[in-house]
Amino acid sequence: MHLKDNLRSLLKKHDMTVAQLSRKANTPAQNIHNWLNGLKAKDIEQVKRVARVFSVSLDYLIFGEKVLDNAELSDEVLAGTWEVILRKPKGENT
């Protein structure tokens, strides 16, 4: 779990204290301290609020995984050969 490392990095990057984050994310400071000390988060809603404060995805905050942008996503999705078949839904008269 990368939560403690990512959280520590984001606090430093945004020059924010745990108390400030606690107020902005409406999350108990003790929970944030626990996460920074490596304890697992028990309330995912609190972690989501922290992610929103930093404008990062939940995946990034917890796992350190970068969200793919459209260019990266399209390269993966469009790889290979695809066939698309268009049909009218059953029962449609138009």
PDB file of N, CA and C in Angstrom:
ATOM      1  N   MET A   1       0.852  -1.188   0.000  1.00  0.00           N
ATOM      2  CA  MET A   1       0.000   0.000   0.000  1.00  0.00           C
ATOM      3  C   MET A   1       0.887   1.237   0.000  1.00  0.00           C
ATOM      4  N   HIS A   2       0.602   2.148  -0.889  1.00  0.00           N
ATOM      5  CA  HIS A   2       1.417   3.347  -1.047  1.00  0.00           C
ATOM      6  C   HIS A   2       0.767   4.579  -0.425  1.00  0.00           C
ATOM      7  N   LEU A   3      -0.317   4.399   0.288  1.00  0.00           N
ATOM      8  CA  LEU A   3      -1.053   5.543   0.822  1.00  0.00           C
ATOM      9  C   LEU A   3      -0.154   6.451   1.648  1.00  0.00           C
ATOM     10  N   LYS A   4       0.624   5.882   2.558  1.00  0.00           N
ATOM     11  CA  LYS A   4       1.439   6.738   3.437  1.00  0.00           C
ATOM     12  C   LYS A   4       2.474   7.526   2.641  1.00  0.00           C
ATOM     13  N   ASP A   5       3.106   6.899   1.666  1.00  0.00           N
ATOM     14  CA  ASP A   5       4.119   7.595   0.871  1.00  0.00           C
ATOM     15  C   ASP A   5       3.506   8.664  -0.019  1.00  0.00           C
ATOM     16  N   ASN A   6       2.409   8.326  -0.668  1.00  0.00           N
ATOM     17  CA  ASN A   6       1.746   9.293  -1.546  1.00  0.00           C
ATOM     18  C   ASN A   6       1.170  10.457  -0.758  1.00  0.00           C
ATOM     19  N   LEU A   7       0.600  10.153   0.388  1.00  0.00           N
ATOM     20  CA  LEU A   7       0.034  11.200   1.234  1.00  0.00           C
ATOM     21  C   LEU A   7       1.125  12.136   1.738  1.00  0.00           C
ATOM     22  N   ARG A   8       2.219  11.562   2.189  1.00  0.00           N
ATOM     23  CA  ARG A   8       3.346  12.381   2.668  1.00  0.00           C
ATOM     24  C   ARG A   8       3.865  13.287   1.534  1.00  0.00           C
ATOM     25  N   SER A   9       3.993  12.722   0.352  1.00  0.00           N
ATOM     26  CA  SER A   9       4.478  13.480  -0.799  1.00  0.00           C
ATOM     27  C   SER A   9       3.519  14.622  -1.166  1.00  0.00           C
ATOM     28  N   LEU A  10       2.225  14.333  -1.154  1.00  0.00           N
ATOM     29  CA  LEU A  10       1.241  15.362  -1.501  1.00  0.00           C
ATOM     30  C   LEU A  10       1.188  16.465  -0.451  1.00  0.00           C
ATOM     31  N   LEU A  11       1.298  16.103   0.805  1.00  0.00           N
ATOM     32  CA  LEU A  11       1.334  17.131   1.853  1.00  0.00           C
ATOM     33  C   LEU A  11       2.518  18.060   1.646  1.00  0.00           C
ATOM     34  N   LYS A  12       3.661  17.488   1.330  1.00  0.00           N
ATOM     35  CA  LYS A  12       4.866  18.290   1.113  1.00  0.00           C
ATOM     36  C   LYS A  12       4.722  19.161  -0.142  1.00  0.00           C
ATOM     37  N   LYS A  13       4.240  18.549  -1.215  1.00  0.00           N
ATOM     38  CA  LYS A  13       4.074  19.267  -2.486  1.00  0.00           C
ATOM     39  C   LYS A  13       3.140  20.464  -2.341  1.00  0.00           C
ATOM     40  N   HIS A  14       2.089  20.304  -1.558  1.00  0.00           N
ATOM     41  CA  HIS A  14       1.094  21.366  -1.373  1.00  0.00           C
ATOM     42  C   HIS A  14       1.377  22.220  -0.144  1.00  0.00           C
ATOM     43  N   ASP A  15       2.518  21.960   0.502  1.00  0.00           N
ATOM     44  CA  ASP A  15       2.927  22.711   1.689  1.00  0.00           C
ATOM     45  C   ASP A  15       1.766  22.799   2.687  1.00  0.00           C
ATOM     46  N   MET A  16       1.227  21.624   3.023  1.00  0.00           N
ATOM     47  CA  MET A  16       0.050  21.547   3.865  1.00  0.00           C
ATOM     48  C   MET A  16       0.355  20.697   5.105  1.00  0.00           C
ATOM     49  N   THR A  17      -0.206  21.075   6.215  1.00  0.00           N
ATOM     50  CA  THR A  17      -0.050  20.289   7.434  1.00  0.00           C
ATOM     51  C   THR A  17      -1.199  19.285   7.537  1.00  0.00           C
ATOM     52  N   VAL A  18      -1.033  18.327   8.434  1.00  0.00           N
ATOM     53  CA  VAL A  18      -2.094  17.354   8.672  1.00  0.00           C
ATOM     54  C   VAL A  18      -3.349  18.062   9.181  1.00  0.00           C
ATOM     55  N   ALA A  19      -3.175  19.043  10.041  1.00  0.00           N
ATOM     56  CA  ALA A  19      -4.328  19.790  10.574  1.00  0.00           C
ATOM     57  C   ALA A  19      -5.082  20.512   9.455  1.00  0.00           C
ATOM     58  N   GLN A  20      -4.350  21.120   8.538  1.00  0.00           N
ATOM     59  CA  GLN A  20      -4.998  21.810   7.416  1.00  0.00           C
ATOM     60  C   GLN A  20      -5.750  20.820   6.530  1.00  0.00           C
ATOM     61  N   LEU A  21      -5.108  19.690   6.235  1.00  0.00           N
ATOM     62  CA  LEU A  21      -5.761  18.665   5.415  1.00  0.00           C
ATOM     63  C   LEU A  21      -6.998  18.132   6.117  1.00  0.00           C
ATOM     64  N   SER A  22      -6.882  17.934   7.403  1.00  0.00           N
ATOM     65  CA  SER A  22      -8.008  17.428   8.187  1.00  0.00           C
ATOM     66  C   SER A  22      -9.220  18.339   8.054  1.00  0.00           C
ATOM     67  N   ARG A  23      -9.000  19.639   8.157  1.00  0.00           N
ATOM     68  CA  ARG A  23     -10.104  20.600   8.028  1.00  0.00           C
ATOM     69  C   ARG A  23     -10.674  20.598   6.615  1.00  0.00           C
ATOM     70  N   LYS A  24      -9.790  20.631   5.621  1.00  0.00           N
ATOM     71  CA  LYS A  24     -10.261  20.699   4.229  1.00  0.00           C
ATOM     72  C   LYS A  24     -10.996  19.438   3.797  1.00  0.00           C
ATOM     73  N   ALA A  25     -10.550  18.277   4.290  1.00  0.00           N
ATOM     74  CA  ALA A  25     -11.148  17.008   3.880  1.00  0.00           C
ATOM     75  C   ALA A  25     -12.231  16.523   4.844  1.00  0.00           C
ATOM     76  N   ASN A  26     -12.459  17.306   5.897  1.00  0.00           N
ATOM     77  CA  ASN A  26     -13.443  16.912   6.906  1.00  0.00           C
ATOM     78  C   ASN A  26     -13.184  15.471   7.368  1.00  0.00           C
ATOM     79  N   THR A  27     -11.926  15.228   7.728  1.00  0.00           N
ATOM     80  CA  THR A  27     -11.459  13.918   8.158  1.00  0.00           C
ATOM     81  C   THR A  27     -10.652  14.094   9.437  1.00  0.00           C
ATOM     82  N   PRO A  28     -10.864  13.249  10.435  1.00  0.00           N
ATOM     83  CA  PRO A  28     -10.116  13.397  11.683  1.00  0.00           C
ATOM     84  C   PRO A  28      -8.597  13.362  11.463  1.00  0.00           C
ATOM     85  N   ALA A  29      -7.902  14.295  12.092  1.00  0.00           N
ATOM     86  CA  ALA A  29      -6.445  14.366  11.960  1.00  0.00           C
ATOM     87  C   ALA A  29      -5.786  13.067  12.420  1.00  0.00           C
ATOM     88  N   GLN A  30      -6.353  12.440  13.428  1.00  0.00           N
ATOM     89  CA  GLN A  30      -5.787  11.190  13.927  1.00  0.00           C
ATOM     90  C   GLN A  30      -5.789  10.110  12.844  1.00  0.00           C
ATOM     91  N   ASN A  31      -6.836  10.063  12.032  1.00  0.00           N
ATOM     92  CA  ASN A  31      -6.880   9.096  10.934  1.00  0.00           C
ATOM     93  C   ASN A  31      -5.766   9.367   9.927  1.00  0.00           C
ATOM     94  N   ILE A  32      -5.557  10.626   9.609  1.00  0.00           N
ATOM     95  CA  ILE A  32      -4.500  10.986   8.663  1.00  0.00           C
ATOM     96  C   ILE A  32      -3.140  10.620   9.243  1.00  0.00           C
ATOM     97  N   HIS A  33      -2.926  10.895  10.528  1.00  0.00           N
ATOM     98  CA  HIS A  33      -1.671  10.491  11.176  1.00  0.00           C
ATOM     99  C   HIS A  33      -1.507   8.971  11.119  1.00  0.00           C
ATOM    100  N   ASN A  34      -2.576   8.241  11.342  1.00  0.00           N
ATOM    101  CA  ASN A  34      -2.512   6.781  11.270  1.00  0.00           C
ATOM    102  C   ASN A  34      -2.091   6.317   9.879  1.00  0.00           C
ATOM    103  N   TRP A  35      -2.659   6.934   8.842  1.00  0.00           N
ATOM    104  CA  TRP A  35      -2.290   6.561   7.469  1.00  0.00           C
ATOM    105  C   TRP A  35      -0.825   6.865   7.212  1.00  0.00           C
ATOM    106  N   LEU A  36      -0.360   8.012   7.716  1.00  0.00           N
ATOM    107  CA  LEU A  36       1.054   8.378   7.538  1.00  0.00           C
ATOM    108  C   LEU A  36       1.988   7.421   8.277  1.00  0.00           C
ATOM    109  N   ASN A  37       1.474   6.771   9.301  1.00  0.00           N
ATOM    110  CA  ASN A  37       2.260   5.791  10.049  1.00  0.00           C
ATOM    111  C   ASN A  37       2.095   4.372   9.513  1.00  0.00           C
ATOM    112  N   GLY A  38       1.401   4.239   8.382  1.00  0.00           N
ATOM    113  CA  GLY A  38       1.302   2.948   7.726  1.00  0.00           C
ATOM    114  C   GLY A  38       0.090   2.109   8.074  1.00  0.00           C
ATOM    115  N   LEU A  39      -0.820   2.636   8.887  1.00  0.00           N
ATOM    116  CA  LEU A  39      -2.033   1.879   9.192  1.00  0.00           C
ATOM    117  C   LEU A  39      -3.001   1.973   8.019  1.00  0.00           C
ATOM    118  N   LYS A  40      -3.720   0.921   7.790  1.00  0.00           N
ATOM    119  CA  LYS A  40      -4.668   0.893   6.677  1.00  0.00           C
ATOM    120  C   LYS A  40      -5.873   1.776   6.971  1.00  0.00           C
ATOM    121  N   ALA A  41      -6.365   2.392   5.920  1.00  0.00           N
ATOM    122  CA  ALA A  41      -7.555   3.235   6.042  1.00  0.00           C
ATOM    123  C   ALA A  41      -8.780   2.343   6.200  1.00  0.00           C
ATOM    124  N   LYS A  42      -9.622   2.678   7.155  1.00  0.00           N
ATOM    125  CA  LYS A  42     -10.824   1.885   7.396  1.00  0.00           C
ATOM    126  C   LYS A  42     -12.072   2.503   6.783  1.00  0.00           C
ATOM    127  N   ASP A  43     -11.998   3.767   6.433  1.00  0.00           N
ATOM    128  CA  ASP A  43     -13.154   4.463   5.867  1.00  0.00           C
ATOM    129  C   ASP A  43     -12.764   5.037   4.511  1.00  0.00           C
ATOM    130  N   ILE A  44     -13.175   4.370   3.454  1.00  0.00           N
ATOM    131  CA  ILE A  44     -12.789   4.781   2.102  1.00  0.00           C
ATOM    132  C   ILE A  44     -13.362   6.156   1.751  1.00  0.00           C
ATOM    133  N   GLU A  45     -14.485   6.530   2.344  1.00  0.00           N
ATOM    134  CA  GLU A  45     -15.065   7.854   2.078  1.00  0.00           C
ATOM    135  C   GLU A  45     -14.117   8.958   2.537  1.00  0.00           C
ATOM    136  N   GLN A  46     -13.443   8.747   3.654  1.00  0.00           N
ATOM    137  CA  GLN A  46     -12.481   9.740   4.134  1.00  0.00           C
ATOM    138  C   GLN A  46     -11.298   9.842   3.175  1.00  0.00           C
ATOM    139  N   VAL A  47     -10.852   8.714   2.672  1.00  0.00           N
ATOM    140  CA  VAL A  47      -9.732   8.721   1.724  1.00  0.00           C
ATOM    141  C   VAL A  47     -10.150   9.423   0.435  1.00  0.00           C
ATOM    142  N   LYS A  48     -11.378   9.205   0.005  1.00  0.00           N
ATOM    143  CA  LYS A  48     -11.881   9.892  -1.192  1.00  0.00           C
ATOM    144  C   LYS A  48     -11.883  11.401  -1.004  1.00  0.00           C
ATOM    145  N   ARG A  49     -12.268  11.846   0.181  1.00  0.00           N
ATOM    146  CA  ARG A  49     -12.280  13.298   0.446  1.00  0.00           C
ATOM    147  C   ARG A  49     -10.865  13.866   0.407  1.00  0.00           C
ATOM    148  N   VAL A  50      -9.912  13.118   0.931  1.00  0.00           N
ATOM    149  CA  VAL A  50      -8.512  13.556   0.889  1.00  0.00           C
ATOM    150  C   VAL A  50      -8.042  13.625  -0.563  1.00  0.00           C
ATOM    151  N   ALA A  51      -8.375  12.634  -1.359  1.00  0.00           N
ATOM    152  CA  ALA A  51      -7.996  12.631  -2.776  1.00  0.00           C
ATOM    153  C   ALA A  51      -8.564  13.857  -3.485  1.00  0.00           C
ATOM    154  N   ARG A  52      -9.805  14.204  -3.171  1.00  0.00           N
ATOM    155  CA  ARG A  52     -10.432  15.379  -3.795  1.00  0.00           C
ATOM    156  C   ARG A  52      -9.703  16.670  -3.424  1.00  0.00           C
ATOM    157  N   VAL A  53      -9.253  16.762  -2.176  1.00  0.00           N
ATOM    158  CA  VAL A  53      -8.526  17.963  -1.745  1.00  0.00           C
ATOM    159  C   VAL A  53      -7.286  18.154  -2.607  1.00  0.00           C
ATOM    160  N   PHE A  54      -6.600  17.061  -2.915  1.00  0.00           N
ATOM    161  CA  PHE A  54      -5.371  17.138  -3.702  1.00  0.00           C
ATOM    162  C   PHE A  54      -5.615  17.030  -5.209  1.00  0.00           C
ATOM    163  N   SER A  55      -6.866  16.864  -5.616  1.00  0.00           N
ATOM    164  CA  SER A  55      -7.232  16.707  -7.032  1.00  0.00           C
ATOM    165  C   SER A  55      -6.484  15.545  -7.680  1.00  0.00           C
ATOM    166  N   VAL A  56      -6.455  14.429  -6.971  1.00  0.00           N
ATOM    167  CA  VAL A  56      -5.863  13.204  -7.524  1.00  0.00           C
ATOM    168  C   VAL A  56      -6.907  12.104  -7.461  1.00  0.00           C
ATOM    169  N   SER A  57      -6.680  11.043  -8.225  1.00  0.00           N
ATOM    170  CA  SER A  57      -7.611   9.924  -8.198  1.00  0.00           C
ATOM    171  C   SER A  57      -7.394   9.097  -6.937  1.00  0.00           C
ATOM    172  N   LEU A  58      -8.399   8.366  -6.579  1.00  0.00           N
ATOM    173  CA  LEU A  58      -8.302   7.454  -5.447  1.00  0.00           C
ATOM    174  C   LEU A  58      -7.239   6.391  -5.721  1.00  0.00           C
ATOM    175  N   ASP A  59      -7.181   5.905  -6.957  1.00  0.00           N
ATOM    176  CA  ASP A  59      -6.158   4.920  -7.332  1.00  0.00           C
ATOM    177  C   ASP A  59      -4.757   5.471  -7.128  1.00  0.00           C
ATOM    178  N   TYR A  60      -4.574   6.726  -7.488  1.00  0.00           N
ATOM    179  CA  TYR A  60      -3.249   7.317  -7.307  1.00  0.00           C
ATOM    180  C   TYR A  60      -2.905   7.445  -5.824  1.00  0.00           C
ATOM    181  N   LEU A  61      -3.840   7.947  -5.048  1.00  0.00           N
ATOM    182  CA  LEU A  61      -3.567   8.174  -3.634  1.00  0.00           C
ATOM    183  C   LEU A  61      -3.261   6.865  -2.905  1.00  0.00           C
ATOM    184  N   ILE A  62      -4.023   5.831  -3.183  1.00  0.00           N
ATOM    185  CA  ILE A  62      -3.841   4.570  -2.462  1.00  0.00           C
ATOM    186  C   ILE A  62      -2.730   3.708  -3.055  1.00  0.00           C
ATOM    187  N   PHE A  63      -2.718   3.581  -4.372  1.00  0.00           N
ATOM    188  CA  PHE A  63      -1.809   2.637  -5.011  1.00  0.00           C
ATOM    189  C   PHE A  63      -0.667   3.278  -5.781  1.00  0.00           C
ATOM    190  N   GLY A  64      -0.741   4.586  -5.995  1.00  0.00           N
ATOM    191  CA  GLY A  64       0.301   5.243  -6.764  1.00  0.00           C
ATOM    192  C   GLY A  64       0.133   5.051  -8.258  1.00  0.00           C
ATOM    193  N   GLU A  65      -1.044   4.583  -8.664  1.00  0.00           N
ATOM    194  CA  GLU A  65      -1.287   4.324 -10.078  1.00  0.00           C
ATOM    195  C   GLU A  65      -1.771   5.578 -10.775  1.00  0.00           C
ATOM    196  N   LYS A  66      -1.099   5.887 -11.855  1.00  0.00           N
ATOM    197  CA  LYS A  66      -1.464   7.047 -12.649  1.00  0.00           C
ATOM    198  C   LYS A  66      -2.685   6.712 -13.492  1.00  0.00           C
ATOM    199  N   VAL A  67      -3.615   7.636 -13.568  1.00  0.00           N
ATOM    200  CA  VAL A  67      -4.777   7.465 -14.435  1.00  0.00           C
ATOM    201  C   VAL A  67      -4.323   7.741 -15.860  1.00  0.00           C
ATOM    202  N   LEU A  68      -4.667   6.852 -16.774  1.00  0.00           N
ATOM    203  CA  LEU A  68      -4.262   7.026 -18.165  1.00  0.00           C
ATOM    204  C   LEU A  68      -4.996   8.201 -18.783  1.00  0.00           C
ATOM    205  N   ASP A  69      -4.245   9.005 -19.524  1.00  0.00           N
ATOM    206  CA  ASP A  69      -4.923  10.080 -20.240  1.00  0.00           C
ATOM    207  C   ASP A  69      -5.491   9.500 -21.535  1.00  0.00           C
ATOM    208  N   ASN A  70      -6.231  10.308 -22.280  1.00  0.00           N
ATOM    209  CA  ASN A  70      -6.902   9.808 -23.480  1.00  0.00           C
ATOM    210  C   ASN A  70      -5.942   9.254 -24.513  1.00  0.00           C
ATOM    211  N   ALA A  71      -4.782   9.862 -24.677  1.00  0.00           N
ATOM    212  CA  ALA A  71      -3.821   9.383 -25.669  1.00  0.00           C
ATOM    213  C   ALA A  71      -3.308   7.999 -25.289  1.00  0.00           C
ATOM    214  N   GLU A  72      -2.958   7.807 -24.030  1.00  0.00           N
ATOM    215  CA  GLU A  72      -2.466   6.502 -23.586  1.00  0.00           C
ATOM    216  C   GLU A  72      -3.572   5.463 -23.661  1.00  0.00           C
ATOM    217  N   LEU A  73      -4.759   5.840 -23.284  1.00  0.00           N
ATOM    218  CA  LEU A  73      -5.873   4.918 -23.291  1.00  0.00           C
ATOM    219  C   LEU A  73      -6.207   4.488 -24.713  1.00  0.00           C
ATOM    220  N   SER A  74      -6.224   5.433 -25.633  1.00  0.00           N
ATOM    221  CA  SER A  74      -6.595   5.093 -27.000  1.00  0.00           C
ATOM    222  C   SER A  74      -5.574   4.154 -27.635  1.00  0.00           C
ATOM    223  N   ASP A  75      -4.294   4.295 -27.305  1.00  0.00           N
ATOM    224  CA  ASP A  75      -3.291   3.387 -27.847  1.00  0.00           C
ATOM    225  C   ASP A  75      -3.556   1.959 -27.397  1.00  0.00           C
ATOM    226  N   GLU A  76      -3.934   1.776 -26.143  1.00  0.00           N
ATOM    227  CA  GLU A  76      -4.203   0.437 -25.639  1.00  0.00           C
ATOM    228  C   GLU A  76      -5.513  -0.107 -26.179  1.00  0.00           C
ATOM    229  N   VAL A  77      -6.521   0.727 -26.232  1.00  0.00           N
ATOM    230  CA  VAL A  77      -7.828   0.272 -26.666  1.00  0.00           C
ATOM    231  C   VAL A  77      -7.828  -0.033 -28.163  1.00  0.00           C
ATOM    232  N   LEU A  78      -7.135   0.757 -28.951  1.00  0.00           N
ATOM    233  CA  LEU A  78      -7.158   0.594 -30.391  1.00  0.00           C
ATOM    234  C   LEU A  78      -6.153  -0.426 -30.911  1.00  0.00           C
ATOM    235  N   ALA A  79      -5.352  -0.991 -30.049  1.00  0.00           N
ATOM    236  CA  ALA A  79      -4.388  -1.991 -30.493  1.00  0.00           C
ATOM    237  C   ALA A  79      -5.141  -3.225 -30.972  1.00  0.00           C
ATOM    238  N   GLY A  80      -4.708  -3.785 -32.085  1.00  0.00           N
ATOM    239  CA  GLY A  80      -5.336  -5.000 -32.604  1.00  0.00           C
ATOM    240  C   GLY A  80      -6.390  -4.683 -33.643  1.00  0.00           C
ATOM    241  N   THR A  81      -7.101  -5.721 -34.021  1.00  0.00           N
ATOM    242  CA  THR A  81      -8.133  -5.602 -35.045  1.00  0.00           C
ATOM    243  C   THR A  81      -9.494  -5.759 -34.398  1.00  0.00           C
ATOM    244  N   TRP A  82     -10.428  -4.888 -34.771  1.00  0.00           N
ATOM    245  CA  TRP A  82     -11.755  -4.904 -34.178  1.00  0.00           C
ATOM    246  C   TRP A  82     -12.804  -4.925 -35.273  1.00  0.00           C
ATOM    247  N   GLU A  83     -13.928  -5.534 -34.974  1.00  0.00           N
ATOM    248  CA  GLU A  83     -15.060  -5.546 -35.890  1.00  0.00           C
ATOM    249  C   GLU A  83     -16.271  -5.004 -35.144  1.00  0.00           C
ATOM    250  N   VAL A  84     -16.941  -4.059 -35.769  1.00  0.00           N
ATOM    251  CA  VAL A  84     -18.123  -3.467 -35.146  1.00  0.00           C
ATOM    252  C   VAL A  84     -19.323  -3.789 -36.019  1.00  0.00           C
ATOM    253  N   ILE A  85     -20.384  -4.297 -35.402  1.00  0.00           N
ATOM    254  CA  ILE A  85     -21.607  -4.634 -36.119  1.00  0.00           C
ATOM    255  C   ILE A  85     -22.726  -3.767 -35.555  1.00  0.00           C
ATOM    256  N   LEU A  86     -23.402  -3.045 -36.434  1.00  0.00           N
ATOM    257  CA  LEU A  86     -24.517  -2.194 -36.031  1.00  0.00           C
ATOM    258  C   LEU A  86     -25.822  -2.867 -36.414  1.00  0.00           C
ATOM    259  N   ARG A  87     -26.749  -2.945 -35.477  1.00  0.00           N
ATOM    260  CA  ARG A  87     -28.065  -3.537 -35.729  1.00  0.00           C
ATOM    261  C   ARG A  87     -29.123  -2.680 -35.069  1.00  0.00           C
ATOM    262  N   LYS A  88     -30.310  -2.723 -35.641  1.00  0.00           N
ATOM    263  CA  LYS A  88     -31.453  -2.087 -34.996  1.00  0.00           C
ATOM    264  C   LYS A  88     -31.854  -2.954 -33.813  1.00  0.00           C
ATOM    265  N   PRO A  89     -32.228  -2.320 -32.712  1.00  0.00           N
ATOM    266  CA  PRO A  89     -32.740  -3.110 -31.587  1.00  0.00           C
ATOM    267  C   PRO A  89     -34.024  -3.822 -31.974  1.00  0.00           C
ATOM    268  N   LYS A  90     -34.260  -4.989 -31.434  1.00  0.00           N
ATOM    269  CA  LYS A  90     -35.494  -5.743 -31.711  1.00  0.00           C
ATOM    270  C   LYS A  90     -36.701  -4.923 -31.284  1.00  0.00           C
ATOM    271  N   GLY A  91     -37.707  -4.933 -32.087  1.00  0.00           N
ATOM    272  CA  GLY A  91     -38.941  -4.243 -31.754  1.00  0.00           C
ATOM    273  C   GLY A  91     -38.962  -2.788 -32.183  1.00  0.00           C
ATOM    274  N   GLU A  92     -37.861  -2.277 -32.752  1.00  0.00           N
ATOM    275  CA  GLU A  92     -37.830  -0.880 -33.190  1.00  0.00           C
ATOM    276  C   GLU A  92     -38.357  -0.817 -34.607  1.00  0.00           C
ATOM    277  N   ASN A  93     -39.325   0.052 -34.856  1.00  0.00           N
ATOM    278  CA  ASN A  93     -39.987   0.117 -36.149  1.00  0.00           C
ATOM    279  C   ASN A  93     -39.390   1.146 -37.085  1.00  0.00           C
ATOM    280  N   THR A  94     -38.563   2.024 -36.641  1.00  0.00           N
ATOM    281  CA  THR A  94     -38.060   3.102 -37.511  1.00  0.00           C
ATOM    282  C   THR A  94     -36.904   2.675 -38.323  1.00  0.00           C
TER     283      THR A  94
END
